[in-house]
PDBML (XML) file of the C-alpha atoms, coordinates in Angstrom:
<?xml version="1.0" encoding="UTF-8" ?>
<PDBx:datablock datablockName="MODEL"
   xmlns:PDBx="http://pdbml.pdb.org/schema/pdbx-v50.xsd"
   xmlns:xsi="http://www.w3.org/2001/XMLSchema-instance"
   xsi:schemaLocation="http://pdbml.pdb.org/schema/pdbx-v50.xsd pdbx-v50.xsd">
   <PDBx:atom_siteCategory>
      <PDBx:atom_site id="1">
         <PDBx:B_iso_or_equiv>0.00</PDBx:B_iso_or_equiv>
         <PDBx:Cartn_x>-36.761</PDBx:Cartn_x>
         <PDBx:Cartn_y>-114.588</PDBx:Cartn_y>
         <PDBx:Cartn_z>218.312</PDBx:Cartn_z>
         <PDBx:auth_asym_id>A</PDBx:auth_asym_id>
         <PDBx:auth_atom_id>CA</PDBx:auth_atom_id>
         <PDBx:auth_comp_id>ALA</PDBx:auth_comp_id>
         <PDBx:auth_seq_id>1</PDBx:auth_seq_id>
         <PDBx:group_PDB>ATOM</PDBx:group_PDB>
         <PDBx:label_alt_id xsi:nil="true" />
         <PDBx:label_asym_id>A</PDBx:label_asym_id>
         <PDBx:label_atom_id>CA</PDBx:label_atom_id>
         <PDBx:label_comp_id>ALA</PDBx:label_comp_id>
         <PDBx:label_entity_id>1</PDBx:label_entity_id>
         <PDBx:label_seq_id>1</PDBx:label_seq_id>
         <PDBx:occupancy>1.00</PDBx:occupancy>
         <PDBx:pdbx_PDB_model_num>1</PDBx:pdbx_PDB_model_num>
         <PDBx:type_symbol>C</PDBx:type_symbol>
      </PDBx:atom_site>
      <PDBx:atom_site id="2">
         <PDBx:B_iso_or_equiv>0.00</PDBx:B_iso_or_equiv>
         <PDBx:Cartn_x>-36.557</PDBx:Cartn_x>
         <PDBx:Cartn_y>-112.972</PDBx:Cartn_y>
         <PDBx:Cartn_z>221.749</PDBx:Cartn_z>
         <PDBx:auth_asym_id>A</PDBx:auth_asym_id>
         <PDBx:auth_atom_id>CA</PDBx:auth_atom_id>
         <PDBx:auth_comp_id>SER</PDBx:auth_comp_id>
         <PDBx:auth_seq_id>2</PDBx:auth_seq_id>
         <PDBx:group_PDB>ATOM</PDBx:group_PDB>
         <PDBx:label_alt_id xsi:nil="true" />
         <PDBx:label_asym_id>A</PDBx:label_asym_id>
         <PDBx:label_atom_id>CA</PDBx:label_atom_id>
         <PDBx:label_comp_id>SER</PDBx:label_comp_id>
         <PDBx:label_entity_id>1</PDBx:label_entity_id>
         <PDBx:label_seq_id>2</PDBx:label_seq_id>
         <PDBx:occupancy>1.00</PDBx:occupancy>
         <PDBx:pdbx_PDB_model_num>1</PDBx:pdbx_PDB_model_num>
         <PDBx:type_symbol>C</PDBx:type_symbol>
      </PDBx:atom_site>
      <PDBx:atom_site id="3">
         <PDBx:B_iso_or_equiv>0.00</PDBx:B_iso_or_equiv>
         <PDBx:Cartn_x>-32.764</PDBx:Cartn_x>
         <PDBx:Cartn_y>-113.236</PDBx:Cartn_y>
         <PDBx:Cartn_z>221.537</PDBx:Cartn_z>
         <PDBx:auth_asym_id>A</PDBx:auth_asym_id>
         <PDBx:auth_atom_id>CA</PDBx:auth_atom_id>
         <PDBx:auth_comp_id>MET</PDBx:auth_comp_id>
         <PDBx:auth_seq_id>3</PDBx:auth_seq_id>
         <PDBx:group_PDB>ATOM</PDBx:group_PDB>
         <PDBx:label_alt_id xsi:nil="true" />
         <PDBx:label_asym_id>A</PDBx:label_asym_id>
         <PDBx:label_atom_id>CA</PDBx:label_atom_id>
         <PDBx:label_comp_id>MET</PDBx:label_comp_id>
         <PDBx:label_entity_id>1</PDBx:label_entity_id>
         <PDBx:label_seq_id>3</PDBx:label_seq_id>
         <PDBx:occupancy>1.00</PDBx:occupancy>
         <PDBx:pdbx_PDB_model_num>1</PDBx:pdbx_PDB_model_num>
         <PDBx:type_symbol>C</PDBx:type_symbol>
      </PDBx:atom_site>
      <PDBx:atom_site id="4">
         <PDBx:B_iso_or_equiv>0.00</PDBx:B_iso_or_equiv>
         <PDBx:Cartn_x>-32.512</PDBx:Cartn_x>
         <PDBx:Cartn_y>-111.469</PDBx:Cartn_y>
         <PDBx:Cartn_z>218.198</PDBx:Cartn_z>
         <PDBx:auth_asym_id>A</PDBx:auth_asym_id>
         <PDBx:auth_atom_id>CA</PDBx:auth_atom_id>
         <PDBx:auth_comp_id>GLY</PDBx:auth_comp_id>
         <PDBx:auth_seq_id>4</PDBx:auth_seq_id>
         <PDBx:group_PDB>ATOM</PDBx:group_PDB>
         <PDBx:label_alt_id xsi:nil="true" />
         <PDBx:label_asym_id>A</PDBx:label_asym_id>
         <PDBx:label_atom_id>CA</PDBx:label_atom_id>
         <PDBx:label_comp_id>GLY</PDBx:label_comp_id>
         <PDBx:label_entity_id>1</PDBx:label_entity_id>
         <PDBx:label_seq_id>4</PDBx:label_seq_id>
         <PDBx:occupancy>1.00</PDBx:occupancy>
         <PDBx:pdbx_PDB_model_num>1</PDBx:pdbx_PDB_model_num>
         <PDBx:type_symbol>C</PDBx:type_symbol>
      </PDBx:atom_site>
      <PDBx:atom_site id="5">
         <PDBx:B_iso_or_equiv>0.00</PDBx:B_iso_or_equiv>
         <PDBx:Cartn_x>-31.683</PDBx:Cartn_x>
         <PDBx:Cartn_y>-114.647</PDBx:Cartn_y>
         <PDBx:Cartn_z>216.242</PDBx:Cartn_z>
         <PDBx:auth_asym_id>A</PDBx:auth_asym_id>
         <PDBx:auth_atom_id>CA</PDBx:auth_atom_id>
         <PDBx:auth_comp_id>ILE</PDBx:auth_comp_id>
         <PDBx:auth_seq_id>5</PDBx:auth_seq_id>
         <PDBx:group_PDB>ATOM</PDBx:group_PDB>
         <PDBx:label_alt_id xsi:nil="true" />
         <PDBx:label_asym_id>A</PDBx:label_asym_id>
         <PDBx:label_atom_id>CA</PDBx:label_atom_id>
         <PDBx:label_comp_id>ILE</PDBx:label_comp_id>
         <PDBx:label_entity_id>1</PDBx:label_entity_id>
         <PDBx:label_seq_id>5</PDBx:label_seq_id>
         <PDBx:occupancy>1.00</PDBx:occupancy>
         <PDBx:pdbx_PDB_model_num>1</PDBx:pdbx_PDB_model_num>
         <PDBx:type_symbol>C</PDBx:type_symbol>
      </PDBx:atom_site>
      <PDBx:atom_site id="6">
         <PDBx:B_iso_or_equiv>0.00</PDBx:B_iso_or_equiv>
         <PDBx:Cartn_x>-33.647</PDBx:Cartn_x>
         <PDBx:Cartn_y>-115.083</PDBx:Cartn_y>
         <PDBx:Cartn_z>213.001</PDBx:Cartn_z>
         <PDBx:auth_asym_id>A</PDBx:auth_asym_id>
         <PDBx:auth_atom_id>CA</PDBx:auth_atom_id>
         <PDBx:auth_comp_id>PRO</PDBx:auth_comp_id>
         <PDBx:auth_seq_id>6</PDBx:auth_seq_id>
         <PDBx:group_PDB>ATOM</PDBx:group_PDB>
         <PDBx:label_alt_id xsi:nil="true" />
         <PDBx:label_asym_id>A</PDBx:label_asym_id>
         <PDBx:label_atom_id>CA</PDBx:label_atom_id>
         <PDBx:label_comp_id>PRO</PDBx:label_comp_id>
         <PDBx:label_entity_id>1</PDBx:label_entity_id>
         <PDBx:label_seq_id>6</PDBx:label_seq_id>
         <PDBx:occupancy>1.00</PDBx:occupancy>
         <PDBx:pdbx_PDB_model_num>1</PDBx:pdbx_PDB_model_num>
         <PDBx:type_symbol>C</PDBx:type_symbol>
      </PDBx:atom_site>
      <PDBx:atom_site id="7">
         <PDBx:B_iso_or_equiv>0.00</PDBx:B_iso_or_equiv>
         <PDBx:Cartn_x>-36.260</PDBx:Cartn_x>
         <PDBx:Cartn_y>-117.821</PDBx:Cartn_y>
         <PDBx:Cartn_z>212.742</PDBx:Cartn_z>
         <PDBx:auth_asym_id>A</PDBx:auth_asym_id>
         <PDBx:auth_atom_id>CA</PDBx:auth_atom_id>
         <PDBx:auth_comp_id>THR</PDBx:auth_comp_id>
         <PDBx:auth_seq_id>7</PDBx:auth_seq_id>
         <PDBx:group_PDB>ATOM</PDBx:group_PDB>
         <PDBx:label_alt_id xsi:nil="true" />
         <PDBx:label_asym_id>A</PDBx:label_asym_id>
         <PDBx:label_atom_id>CA</PDBx:label_atom_id>
         <PDBx:label_comp_id>THR</PDBx:label_comp_id>
         <PDBx:label_entity_id>1</PDBx:label_entity_id>
         <PDBx:label_seq_id>7</PDBx:label_seq_id>
         <PDBx:occupancy>1.00</PDBx:occupancy>
         <PDBx:pdbx_PDB_model_num>1</PDBx:pdbx_PDB_model_num>
         <PDBx:type_symbol>C</PDBx:type_symbol>
      </PDBx:atom_site>
      <PDBx:atom_site id="8">
         <PDBx:B_iso_or_equiv>0.00</PDBx:B_iso_or_equiv>
         <PDBx:Cartn_x>-36.116</PDBx:Cartn_x>
         <PDBx:Cartn_y>-120.590</PDBx:Cartn_y>
         <PDBx:Cartn_z>210.127</PDBx:Cartn_z>
         <PDBx:auth_asym_id>A</PDBx:auth_asym_id>
         <PDBx:auth_atom_id>CA</PDBx:auth_atom_id>
         <PDBx:auth_comp_id>VAL</PDBx:auth_comp_id>
         <PDBx:auth_seq_id>8</PDBx:auth_seq_id>
         <PDBx:group_PDB>ATOM</PDBx:group_PDB>
         <PDBx:label_alt_id xsi:nil="true" />
         <PDBx:label_asym_id>A</PDBx:label_asym_id>
         <PDBx:label_atom_id>CA</PDBx:label_atom_id>
         <PDBx:label_comp_id>VAL</PDBx:label_comp_id>
         <PDBx:label_entity_id>1</PDBx:label_entity_id>
         <PDBx:label_seq_id>8</PDBx:label_seq_id>
         <PDBx:occupancy>1.00</PDBx:occupancy>
         <PDBx:pdbx_PDB_model_num>1</PDBx:pdbx_PDB_model_num>
         <PDBx:type_symbol>C</PDBx:type_symbol>
      </PDBx:atom_site>
      <PDBx:atom_site id="9">
         <PDBx:B_iso_or_equiv>0.00</PDBx:B_iso_or_equiv>
         <PDBx:Cartn_x>-38.610</PDBx:Cartn_x>
         <PDBx:Cartn_y>-118.640</PDBx:Cartn_y>
         <PDBx:Cartn_z>208.042</PDBx:Cartn_z>
         <PDBx:auth_asym_id>A</PDBx:auth_asym_id>
         <PDBx:auth_atom_id>CA</PDBx:auth_atom_id>
         <PDBx:auth_comp_id>GLU</PDBx:auth_comp_id>
         <PDBx:auth_seq_id>9</PDBx:auth_seq_id>
         <PDBx:group_PDB>ATOM</PDBx:group_PDB>
         <PDBx:label_alt_id xsi:nil="true" />
         <PDBx:label_asym_id>A</PDBx:label_asym_id>
         <PDBx:label_atom_id>CA</PDBx:label_atom_id>
         <PDBx:label_comp_id>GLU</PDBx:label_comp_id>
         <PDBx:label_entity_id>1</PDBx:label_entity_id>
         <PDBx:label_seq_id>9</PDBx:label_seq_id>
         <PDBx:occupancy>1.00</PDBx:occupancy>
         <PDBx:pdbx_PDB_model_num>1</PDBx:pdbx_PDB_model_num>
         <PDBx:type_symbol>C</PDBx:type_symbol>
      </PDBx:atom_site>
      <PDBx:atom_site id="10">
         <PDBx:B_iso_or_equiv>0.00</PDBx:B_iso_or_equiv>
         <PDBx:Cartn_x>-36.684</PDBx:Cartn_x>
         <PDBx:Cartn_y>-115.364</PDBx:Cartn_y>
         <PDBx:Cartn_z>208.275</PDBx:Cartn_z>
         <PDBx:auth_asym_id>A</PDBx:auth_asym_id>
         <PDBx:auth_atom_id>CA</PDBx:auth_atom_id>
         <PDBx:auth_comp_id>GLU</PDBx:auth_comp_id>
         <PDBx:auth_seq_id>10</PDBx:auth_seq_id>
         <PDBx:group_PDB>ATOM</PDBx:group_PDB>
         <PDBx:label_alt_id xsi:nil="true" />
         <PDBx:label_asym_id>A</PDBx:label_asym_id>
         <PDBx:label_atom_id>CA</PDBx:label_atom_id>
         <PDBx:label_comp_id>GLU</PDBx:label_comp_id>
         <PDBx:label_entity_id>1</PDBx:label_entity_id>
         <PDBx:label_seq_id>10</PDBx:label_seq_id>
         <PDBx:occupancy>1.00</PDBx:occupancy>
         <PDBx:pdbx_PDB_model_num>1</PDBx:pdbx_PDB_model_num>
         <PDBx:type_symbol>C</PDBx:type_symbol>
      </PDBx:atom_site>
      <PDBx:atom_site id="11">
         <PDBx:B_iso_or_equiv>0.00</PDBx:B_iso_or_equiv>
         <PDBx:Cartn_x>-33.328</PDBx:Cartn_x>
         <PDBx:Cartn_y>-116.974</PDBx:Cartn_y>
         <PDBx:Cartn_z>207.510</PDBx:Cartn_z>
         <PDBx:auth_asym_id>A</PDBx:auth_asym_id>
         <PDBx:auth_atom_id>CA</PDBx:auth_atom_id>
         <PDBx:auth_comp_id>TYR</PDBx:auth_comp_id>
         <PDBx:auth_seq_id>11</PDBx:auth_seq_id>
         <PDBx:group_PDB>ATOM</PDBx:group_PDB>
         <PDBx:label_alt_id xsi:nil="true" />
         <PDBx:label_asym_id>A</PDBx:label_asym_id>
         <PDBx:label_atom_id>CA</PDBx:label_atom_id>
         <PDBx:label_comp_id>TYR</PDBx:label_comp_id>
         <PDBx:label_entity_id>1</PDBx:label_entity_id>
         <PDBx:label_seq_id>11</PDBx:label_seq_id>
         <PDBx:occupancy>1.00</PDBx:occupancy>
         <PDBx:pdbx_PDB_model_num>1</PDBx:pdbx_PDB_model_num>
         <PDBx:type_symbol>C</PDBx:type_symbol>
      </PDBx:atom_site>
      <PDBx:atom_site id="12">
         <PDBx:B_iso_or_equiv>0.00</PDBx:B_iso_or_equiv>
         <PDBx:Cartn_x>-34.788</PDBx:Cartn_x>
         <PDBx:Cartn_y>-118.893</PDBx:Cartn_y>
         <PDBx:Cartn_z>204.568</PDBx:Cartn_z>
         <PDBx:auth_asym_id>A</PDBx:auth_asym_id>
         <PDBx:auth_atom_id>CA</PDBx:auth_atom_id>
         <PDBx:auth_comp_id>THR</PDBx:auth_comp_id>
         <PDBx:auth_seq_id>12</PDBx:auth_seq_id>
         <PDBx:group_PDB>ATOM</PDBx:group_PDB>
         <PDBx:label_alt_id xsi:nil="true" />
         <PDBx:label_asym_id>A</PDBx:label_asym_id>
         <PDBx:label_atom_id>CA</PDBx:label_atom_id>
         <PDBx:label_comp_id>THR</PDBx:label_comp_id>
         <PDBx:label_entity_id>1</PDBx:label_entity_id>
         <PDBx:label_seq_id>12</PDBx:label_seq_id>
         <PDBx:occupancy>1.00</PDBx:occupancy>
         <PDBx:pdbx_PDB_model_num>1</PDBx:pdbx_PDB_model_num>
         <PDBx:type_symbol>C</PDBx:type_symbol>
      </PDBx:atom_site>
      <PDBx:atom_site id="13">
         <PDBx:B_iso_or_equiv>0.00</PDBx:B_iso_or_equiv>
         <PDBx:Cartn_x>-36.513</PDBx:Cartn_x>
         <PDBx:Cartn_y>-115.784</PDBx:Cartn_y>
         <PDBx:Cartn_z>203.169</PDBx:Cartn_z>
         <PDBx:auth_asym_id>A</PDBx:auth_asym_id>
         <PDBx:auth_atom_id>CA</PDBx:auth_atom_id>
         <PDBx:auth_comp_id>GLU</PDBx:auth_comp_id>
         <PDBx:auth_seq_id>13</PDBx:auth_seq_id>
         <PDBx:group_PDB>ATOM</PDBx:group_PDB>
         <PDBx:label_alt_id xsi:nil="true" />
         <PDBx:label_asym_id>A</PDBx:label_asym_id>
         <PDBx:label_atom_id>CA</PDBx:label_atom_id>
         <PDBx:label_comp_id>GLU</PDBx:label_comp_id>
         <PDBx:label_entity_id>1</PDBx:label_entity_id>
         <PDBx:label_seq_id>13</PDBx:label_seq_id>
         <PDBx:occupancy>1.00</PDBx:occupancy>
         <PDBx:pdbx_PDB_model_num>1</PDBx:pdbx_PDB_model_num>
         <PDBx:type_symbol>C</PDBx:type_symbol>
      </PDBx:atom_site>
      <PDBx:atom_site id="14">
         <PDBx:B_iso_or_equiv>0.00</PDBx:B_iso_or_equiv>
         <PDBx:Cartn_x>-33.235</PDBx:Cartn_x>
         <PDBx:Cartn_y>-113.841</PDBx:Cartn_y>
         <PDBx:Cartn_z>203.284</PDBx:Cartn_z>
         <PDBx:auth_asym_id>A</PDBx:auth_asym_id>
         <PDBx:auth_atom_id>CA</PDBx:auth_atom_id>
         <PDBx:auth_comp_id>ALA</PDBx:auth_comp_id>
         <PDBx:auth_seq_id>14</PDBx:auth_seq_id>
         <PDBx:group_PDB>ATOM</PDBx:group_PDB>
         <PDBx:label_alt_id xsi:nil="true" />
         <PDBx:label_asym_id>A</PDBx:label_asym_id>
         <PDBx:label_atom_id>CA</PDBx:label_atom_id>
         <PDBx:label_comp_id>ALA</PDBx:label_comp_id>
         <PDBx:label_entity_id>1</PDBx:label_entity_id>
         <PDBx:label_seq_id>14</PDBx:label_seq_id>
         <PDBx:occupancy>1.00</PDBx:occupancy>
         <PDBx:pdbx_PDB_model_num>1</PDBx:pdbx_PDB_model_num>
         <PDBx:type_symbol>C</PDBx:type_symbol>
      </PDBx:atom_site>
      <PDBx:atom_site id="15">
         <PDBx:B_iso_or_equiv>0.00</PDBx:B_iso_or_equiv>
         <PDBx:Cartn_x>-31.376</PDBx:Cartn_x>
         <PDBx:Cartn_y>-116.593</PDBx:Cartn_y>
         <PDBx:Cartn_z>201.420</PDBx:Cartn_z>
         <PDBx:auth_asym_id>A</PDBx:auth_asym_id>
         <PDBx:auth_atom_id>CA</PDBx:auth_atom_id>
         <PDBx:auth_comp_id>TYR</PDBx:auth_comp_id>
         <PDBx:auth_seq_id>15</PDBx:auth_seq_id>
         <PDBx:group_PDB>ATOM</PDBx:group_PDB>
         <PDBx:label_alt_id xsi:nil="true" />
         <PDBx:label_asym_id>A</PDBx:label_asym_id>
         <PDBx:label_atom_id>CA</PDBx:label_atom_id>
         <PDBx:label_comp_id>TYR</PDBx:label_comp_id>
         <PDBx:label_entity_id>1</PDBx:label_entity_id>
         <PDBx:label_seq_id>15</PDBx:label_seq_id>
         <PDBx:occupancy>1.00</PDBx:occupancy>
         <PDBx:pdbx_PDB_model_num>1</PDBx:pdbx_PDB_model_num>
         <PDBx:type_symbol>C</PDBx:type_symbol>
      </PDBx:atom_site>
      <PDBx:atom_site id="16">
         <PDBx:B_iso_or_equiv>0.00</PDBx:B_iso_or_equiv>
         <PDBx:Cartn_x>-34.136</PDBx:Cartn_x>
         <PDBx:Cartn_y>-116.934</PDBx:Cartn_y>
         <PDBx:Cartn_z>198.822</PDBx:Cartn_z>
         <PDBx:auth_asym_id>A</PDBx:auth_asym_id>
         <PDBx:auth_atom_id>CA</PDBx:auth_atom_id>
         <PDBx:auth_comp_id>CYS</PDBx:auth_comp_id>
         <PDBx:auth_seq_id>16</PDBx:auth_seq_id>
         <PDBx:group_PDB>ATOM</PDBx:group_PDB>
         <PDBx:label_alt_id xsi:nil="true" />
         <PDBx:label_asym_id>A</PDBx:label_asym_id>
         <PDBx:label_atom_id>CA</PDBx:label_atom_id>
         <PDBx:label_comp_id>CYS</PDBx:label_comp_id>
         <PDBx:label_entity_id>1</PDBx:label_entity_id>
         <PDBx:label_seq_id>16</PDBx:label_seq_id>
         <PDBx:occupancy>1.00</PDBx:occupancy>
         <PDBx:pdbx_PDB_model_num>1</PDBx:pdbx_PDB_model_num>
         <PDBx:type_symbol>C</PDBx:type_symbol>
      </PDBx:atom_site>
      <PDBx:atom_site id="17">
         <PDBx:B_iso_or_equiv>0.00</PDBx:B_iso_or_equiv>
         <PDBx:Cartn_x>-34.125</PDBx:Cartn_x>
         <PDBx:Cartn_y>-113.175</PDBx:Cartn_y>
         <PDBx:Cartn_z>198.242</PDBx:Cartn_z>
         <PDBx:auth_asym_id>A</PDBx:auth_asym_id>
         <PDBx:auth_atom_id>CA</PDBx:auth_atom_id>
         <PDBx:auth_comp_id>ARG</PDBx:auth_comp_id>
         <PDBx:auth_seq_id>17</PDBx:auth_seq_id>
         <PDBx:group_PDB>ATOM</PDBx:group_PDB>
         <PDBx:label_alt_id xsi:nil="true" />
         <PDBx:label_asym_id>A</PDBx:label_asym_id>
         <PDBx:label_atom_id>CA</PDBx:label_atom_id>
         <PDBx:label_comp_id>ARG</PDBx:label_comp_id>
         <PDBx:label_entity_id>1</PDBx:label_entity_id>
         <PDBx:label_seq_id>17</PDBx:label_seq_id>
         <PDBx:occupancy>1.00</PDBx:occupancy>
         <PDBx:pdbx_PDB_model_num>1</PDBx:pdbx_PDB_model_num>
         <PDBx:type_symbol>C</PDBx:type_symbol>
      </PDBx:atom_site>
      <PDBx:atom_site id="18">
         <PDBx:B_iso_or_equiv>0.00</PDBx:B_iso_or_equiv>
         <PDBx:Cartn_x>-30.358</PDBx:Cartn_x>
         <PDBx:Cartn_y>-113.161</PDBx:Cartn_y>
         <PDBx:Cartn_z>197.763</PDBx:Cartn_z>
         <PDBx:auth_asym_id>A</PDBx:auth_asym_id>
         <PDBx:auth_atom_id>CA</PDBx:auth_atom_id>
         <PDBx:auth_comp_id>ARG</PDBx:auth_comp_id>
         <PDBx:auth_seq_id>18</PDBx:auth_seq_id>
         <PDBx:group_PDB>ATOM</PDBx:group_PDB>
         <PDBx:label_alt_id xsi:nil="true" />
         <PDBx:label_asym_id>A</PDBx:label_asym_id>
         <PDBx:label_atom_id>CA</PDBx:label_atom_id>
         <PDBx:label_comp_id>ARG</PDBx:label_comp_id>
         <PDBx:label_entity_id>1</PDBx:label_entity_id>
         <PDBx:label_seq_id>18</PDBx:label_seq_id>
         <PDBx:occupancy>1.00</PDBx:occupancy>
         <PDBx:pdbx_PDB_model_num>1</PDBx:pdbx_PDB_model_num>
         <PDBx:type_symbol>C</PDBx:type_symbol>
      </PDBx:atom_site>
      <PDBx:atom_site id="19">
         <PDBx:B_iso_or_equiv>0.00</PDBx:B_iso_or_equiv>
         <PDBx:Cartn_x>-30.382</PDBx:Cartn_x>
         <PDBx:Cartn_y>-116.162</PDBx:Cartn_y>
         <PDBx:Cartn_z>195.414</PDBx:Cartn_z>
         <PDBx:auth_asym_id>A</PDBx:auth_asym_id>
         <PDBx:auth_atom_id>CA</PDBx:auth_atom_id>
         <PDBx:auth_comp_id>THR</PDBx:auth_comp_id>
         <PDBx:auth_seq_id>19</PDBx:auth_seq_id>
         <PDBx:group_PDB>ATOM</PDBx:group_PDB>
         <PDBx:label_alt_id xsi:nil="true" />
         <PDBx:label_asym_id>A</PDBx:label_asym_id>
         <PDBx:label_atom_id>CA</PDBx:label_atom_id>
         <PDBx:label_comp_id>THR</PDBx:label_comp_id>
         <PDBx:label_entity_id>1</PDBx:label_entity_id>
         <PDBx:label_seq_id>19</PDBx:label_seq_id>
         <PDBx:occupancy>1.00</PDBx:occupancy>
         <PDBx:pdbx_PDB_model_num>1</PDBx:pdbx_PDB_model_num>
         <PDBx:type_symbol>C</PDBx:type_symbol>
      </PDBx:atom_site>
      <PDBx:atom_site id="20">
         <PDBx:B_iso_or_equiv>0.00</PDBx:B_iso_or_equiv>
         <PDBx:Cartn_x>-33.529</PDBx:Cartn_x>
         <PDBx:Cartn_y>-115.186</PDBx:Cartn_y>
         <PDBx:Cartn_z>193.496</PDBx:Cartn_z>
         <PDBx:auth_asym_id>A</PDBx:auth_asym_id>
         <PDBx:auth_atom_id>CA</PDBx:auth_atom_id>
         <PDBx:auth_comp_id>HIS</PDBx:auth_comp_id>
         <PDBx:auth_seq_id>20</PDBx:auth_seq_id>
         <PDBx:group_PDB>ATOM</PDBx:group_PDB>
         <PDBx:label_alt_id xsi:nil="true" />
         <PDBx:label_asym_id>A</PDBx:label_asym_id>
         <PDBx:label_atom_id>CA</PDBx:label_atom_id>
         <PDBx:label_comp_id>HIS</PDBx:label_comp_id>
         <PDBx:label_entity_id>1</PDBx:label_entity_id>
         <PDBx:label_seq_id>20</PDBx:label_seq_id>
         <PDBx:occupancy>1.00</PDBx:occupancy>
         <PDBx:pdbx_PDB_model_num>1</PDBx:pdbx_PDB_model_num>
         <PDBx:type_symbol>C</PDBx:type_symbol>
      </PDBx:atom_site>
      <PDBx:atom_site id="21">
         <PDBx:B_iso_or_equiv>0.00</PDBx:B_iso_or_equiv>
         <PDBx:Cartn_x>-35.760</PDBx:Cartn_x>
         <PDBx:Cartn_y>-118.072</PDBx:Cartn_y>
         <PDBx:Cartn_z>194.618</PDBx:Cartn_z>
         <PDBx:auth_asym_id>A</PDBx:auth_asym_id>
         <PDBx:auth_atom_id>CA</PDBx:auth_atom_id>
         <PDBx:auth_comp_id>ARG</PDBx:auth_comp_id>
         <PDBx:auth_seq_id>21</PDBx:auth_seq_id>
         <PDBx:group_PDB>ATOM</PDBx:group_PDB>
         <PDBx:label_alt_id xsi:nil="true" />
         <PDBx:label_asym_id>A</PDBx:label_asym_id>
         <PDBx:label_atom_id>CA</PDBx:label_atom_id>
         <PDBx:label_comp_id>ARG</PDBx:label_comp_id>
         <PDBx:label_entity_id>1</PDBx:label_entity_id>
         <PDBx:label_seq_id>21</PDBx:label_seq_id>
         <PDBx:occupancy>1.00</PDBx:occupancy>
         <PDBx:pdbx_PDB_model_num>1</PDBx:pdbx_PDB_model_num>
         <PDBx:type_symbol>C</PDBx:type_symbol>
      </PDBx:atom_site>
      <PDBx:atom_site id="22">
         <PDBx:B_iso_or_equiv>0.00</PDBx:B_iso_or_equiv>
         <PDBx:Cartn_x>-39.432</PDBx:Cartn_x>
         <PDBx:Cartn_y>-118.007</PDBx:Cartn_y>
         <PDBx:Cartn_z>195.459</PDBx:Cartn_z>
         <PDBx:auth_asym_id>A</PDBx:auth_asym_id>
         <PDBx:auth_atom_id>CA</PDBx:auth_atom_id>
         <PDBx:auth_comp_id>ASP</PDBx:auth_comp_id>
         <PDBx:auth_seq_id>22</PDBx:auth_seq_id>
         <PDBx:group_PDB>ATOM</PDBx:group_PDB>
         <PDBx:label_alt_id xsi:nil="true" />
         <PDBx:label_asym_id>A</PDBx:label_asym_id>
         <PDBx:label_atom_id>CA</PDBx:label_atom_id>
         <PDBx:label_comp_id>ASP</PDBx:label_comp_id>
         <PDBx:label_entity_id>1</PDBx:label_entity_id>
         <PDBx:label_seq_id>22</PDBx:label_seq_id>
         <PDBx:occupancy>1.00</PDBx:occupancy>
         <PDBx:pdbx_PDB_model_num>1</PDBx:pdbx_PDB_model_num>
         <PDBx:type_symbol>C</PDBx:type_symbol>
      </PDBx:atom_site>
      <PDBx:atom_site id="23">
         <PDBx:B_iso_or_equiv>0.00</PDBx:B_iso_or_equiv>
         <PDBx:Cartn_x>-39.137</PDBx:Cartn_x>
         <PDBx:Cartn_y>-120.605</PDBx:Cartn_y>
         <PDBx:Cartn_z>198.226</PDBx:Cartn_z>
         <PDBx:auth_asym_id>A</PDBx:auth_asym_id>
         <PDBx:auth_atom_id>CA</PDBx:auth_atom_id>
         <PDBx:auth_comp_id>SER</PDBx:auth_comp_id>
         <PDBx:auth_seq_id>23</PDBx:auth_seq_id>
         <PDBx:group_PDB>ATOM</PDBx:group_PDB>
         <PDBx:label_alt_id xsi:nil="true" />
         <PDBx:label_asym_id>A</PDBx:label_asym_id>
         <PDBx:label_atom_id>CA</PDBx:label_atom_id>
         <PDBx:label_comp_id>SER</PDBx:label_comp_id>
         <PDBx:label_entity_id>1</PDBx:label_entity_id>
         <PDBx:label_seq_id>23</PDBx:label_seq_id>
         <PDBx:occupancy>1.00</PDBx:occupancy>
         <PDBx:pdbx_PDB_model_num>1</PDBx:pdbx_PDB_model_num>
         <PDBx:type_symbol>C</PDBx:type_symbol>
      </PDBx:atom_site>
      <PDBx:atom_site id="24">
         <PDBx:B_iso_or_equiv>0.00</PDBx:B_iso_or_equiv>
         <PDBx:Cartn_x>-37.485</PDBx:Cartn_x>
         <PDBx:Cartn_y>-123.873</PDBx:Cartn_y>
         <PDBx:Cartn_z>199.246</PDBx:Cartn_z>
         <PDBx:auth_asym_id>A</PDBx:auth_asym_id>
         <PDBx:auth_atom_id>CA</PDBx:auth_atom_id>
         <PDBx:auth_comp_id>ILE</PDBx:auth_comp_id>
         <PDBx:auth_seq_id>24</PDBx:auth_seq_id>
         <PDBx:group_PDB>ATOM</PDBx:group_PDB>
         <PDBx:label_alt_id xsi:nil="true" />
         <PDBx:label_asym_id>A</PDBx:label_asym_id>
         <PDBx:label_atom_id>CA</PDBx:label_atom_id>
         <PDBx:label_comp_id>ILE</PDBx:label_comp_id>
         <PDBx:label_entity_id>1</PDBx:label_entity_id>
         <PDBx:label_seq_id>24</PDBx:label_seq_id>
         <PDBx:occupancy>1.00</PDBx:occupancy>
         <PDBx:pdbx_PDB_model_num>1</PDBx:pdbx_PDB_model_num>
         <PDBx:type_symbol>C</PDBx:type_symbol>
      </PDBx:atom_site>
   </PDBx:atom_siteCategory>
</PDBx:datablock>
């Protein structure tokens, strides 16, 4: 996070938003 790389949660949320999922 301090390096500007997304966390697991952030990366997963972005994919779910783009693929119309609530969660994995």
